[in-house]
Every structure is written in structure tokens, then in C-alpha cells.
C-alpha atoms as a PDB file:
ATOM      1  CA  UNK A   1     -30.191  14.278   1.352  1.00  0.00           C
ATOM      2  CA  UNK A   2     -32.377  11.358   2.341  1.00  0.00           C
ATOM      3  CA  UNK A   3     -32.368  10.179   5.995  1.00  0.00           C
ATOM      4  CA  UNK A   4     -33.386   6.791   7.221  1.00  0.00           C
ATOM      5  CA  UNK A   5     -36.684   6.704   8.990  1.00  0.00           C
ATOM      6  CA  UNK A   6     -35.691   3.583  10.914  1.00  0.00           C
ATOM      7  CA  UNK A   7     -32.436   2.285  12.308  1.00  0.00           C
ATOM      8  CA  UNK A   8     -30.631  -0.267  10.221  1.00  0.00           C
ATOM      9  CA  UNK A   9     -29.807  -3.590  11.913  1.00  0.00           C
ATOM     10  CA  UNK A  10     -26.251  -4.601  12.667  1.00  0.00           C
ATOM     11  CA  UNK A  11     -26.552  -7.480  10.202  1.00  0.00           C
ATOM     12  CA  UNK A  12     -27.527  -5.128   7.429  1.00  0.00           C
ATOM     13  CA  UNK A  13     -24.635  -2.782   7.938  1.00  0.00           C
ATOM     14  CA  UNK A  14     -22.210  -5.695   8.265  1.00  0.00           C
ATOM     15  CA  UNK A  15     -23.466  -7.194   5.014  1.00  0.00           C
ATOM     16  CA  UNK A  16     -22.596  -4.005   3.264  1.00  0.00           C
ATOM     17  CA  UNK A  17     -19.129  -3.935   4.732  1.00  0.00           C
ATOM     18  CA  UNK A  18     -18.157  -7.577   3.982  1.00  0.00           C
ATOM     19  CA  UNK A  19     -15.972  -6.562   1.009  1.00  0.00           C
ATOM     20  CA  UNK A  20     -13.937  -3.928   2.921  1.00  0.00           C
ATOM     21  CA  UNK A  21     -10.826  -5.899   2.928  1.00  0.00           C
ATOM     22  CA  UNK A  22      -7.232  -4.660   3.238  1.00  0.00           C
ATOM     23  CA  UNK A  23      -4.944  -5.907   0.497  1.00  0.00           C
ATOM     24  CA  UNK A  24      -1.223  -6.688   0.905  1.00  0.00           C
ATOM     25  CA  UNK A  25       1.098  -4.172  -0.669  1.00  0.00           C
ATOM     26  CA  UNK A  26       2.687  -5.154  -3.989  1.00  0.00           C
ATOM     27  CA  UNK A  27       6.417  -5.650  -3.233  1.00  0.00           C
ATOM     28  CA  UNK A  28       9.112  -6.254  -5.855  1.00  0.00           C
ATOM     29  CA  UNK A  29      12.761  -6.860  -5.672  1.00  0.00           C
ATOM     30  CA  UNK A  30      15.159  -3.947  -6.188  1.00  0.00           C
ATOM     31  CA  UNK A  31      17.322  -4.857  -9.291  1.00  0.00           C
ATOM     32  CA  UNK A  32      20.346  -3.090  -7.775  1.00  0.00           C
ATOM     33  CA  UNK A  33      20.496  -4.356  -4.192  1.00  0.00           C
ATOM     34  CA  UNK A  34      17.814  -7.083  -4.260  1.00  0.00           C
ATOM     35  CA  UNK A  35      15.950  -5.718  -1.273  1.00  0.00           C
ATOM     36  CA  UNK A  36      12.162  -5.598  -1.194  1.00  0.00           C
ATOM     37  CA  UNK A  37      10.645  -2.304  -2.247  1.00  0.00           C
ATOM     38  CA  UNK A  38       7.422  -0.783  -3.606  1.00  0.00           C
ATOM     39  CA  UNK A  39       7.033  -0.481  -7.372  1.00  0.00           C
ATOM     40  CA  UNK A  40       7.566   3.000  -8.775  1.00  0.00           C
ATOM     41  CA  UNK A  41       9.382   4.113  -5.559  1.00  0.00           C
ATOM     42  CA  UNK A  42      13.011   4.810  -4.833  1.00  0.00           C
ATOM     43  CA  UNK A  43      14.689   1.940  -2.977  1.00  0.00           C
ATOM     44  CA  UNK A  44      15.099   2.971   0.624  1.00  0.00           C
ATOM     45  CA  UNK A  45      18.050   0.752   1.077  1.00  0.00           C
ATOM     46  CA  UNK A  46      20.353   1.774  -1.836  1.00  0.00           C
ATOM     47  CA  UNK A  47      18.666   4.909  -3.151  1.00  0.00           C
ATOM     48  CA  UNK A  48      18.474   3.786  -6.763  1.00  0.00           C
ATOM     49  CA  UNK A  49      15.531   4.153  -9.101  1.00  0.00           C
ATOM     50  CA  UNK A  50      15.318   3.052 -12.782  1.00  0.00           C
ATOM     51  CA  UNK A  51      18.972   2.050 -12.827  1.00  0.00           C
ATOM     52  CA  UNK A  52      20.463   5.240 -11.468  1.00  0.00           C
ATOM     53  CA  UNK A  53      21.217   6.605  -7.991  1.00  0.00           C
ATOM     54  CA  UNK A  54      18.611   9.227  -7.053  1.00  0.00           C
ATOM     55  CA  UNK A  55      19.530   9.844  -3.458  1.00  0.00           C
ATOM     56  CA  UNK A  56      22.670   8.955  -1.596  1.00  0.00           C
ATOM     57  CA  UNK A  57      22.545   5.766   0.459  1.00  0.00           C
ATOM     58  CA  UNK A  58      21.772   5.989   4.139  1.00  0.00           C
ATOM     59  CA  UNK A  59      24.859   5.728   6.345  1.00  0.00           C
ATOM     60  CA  UNK A  60      25.022   2.364   8.098  1.00  0.00           C
END
């Protein structure tokens, strides 16, 4: 494994990291209860996935 002979400057390291951006999660509307949920996940509000109830709804 190669090791640097000299220290890299702060600017050089920061140039490399300029594209390390966080992206917002993709959120869709649940077709059953119309709450926001992640795609390909069970709705945490109603417990439905792909048009059928997978888990029972949380008690409110």
C-alpha cells in the first residue's frame, strides 16, 4: 500500500470531498392512507404494502 511522502494540504483534501453531498430521501404517498412513506417499504402509519395489510396498524 502506497503512503504519502508529504502531507496533503487542506485545500487538496477538501477539493476531493466537494461531491460528498447528502441527498434527500425519496418519499412517496401511501395509496391507502395518503401519508408520506419510503418506496418499497411498509407504511408505518397504516401497515399496508402493495394493496394489502402486512402488519396491524399501531394503536392510537
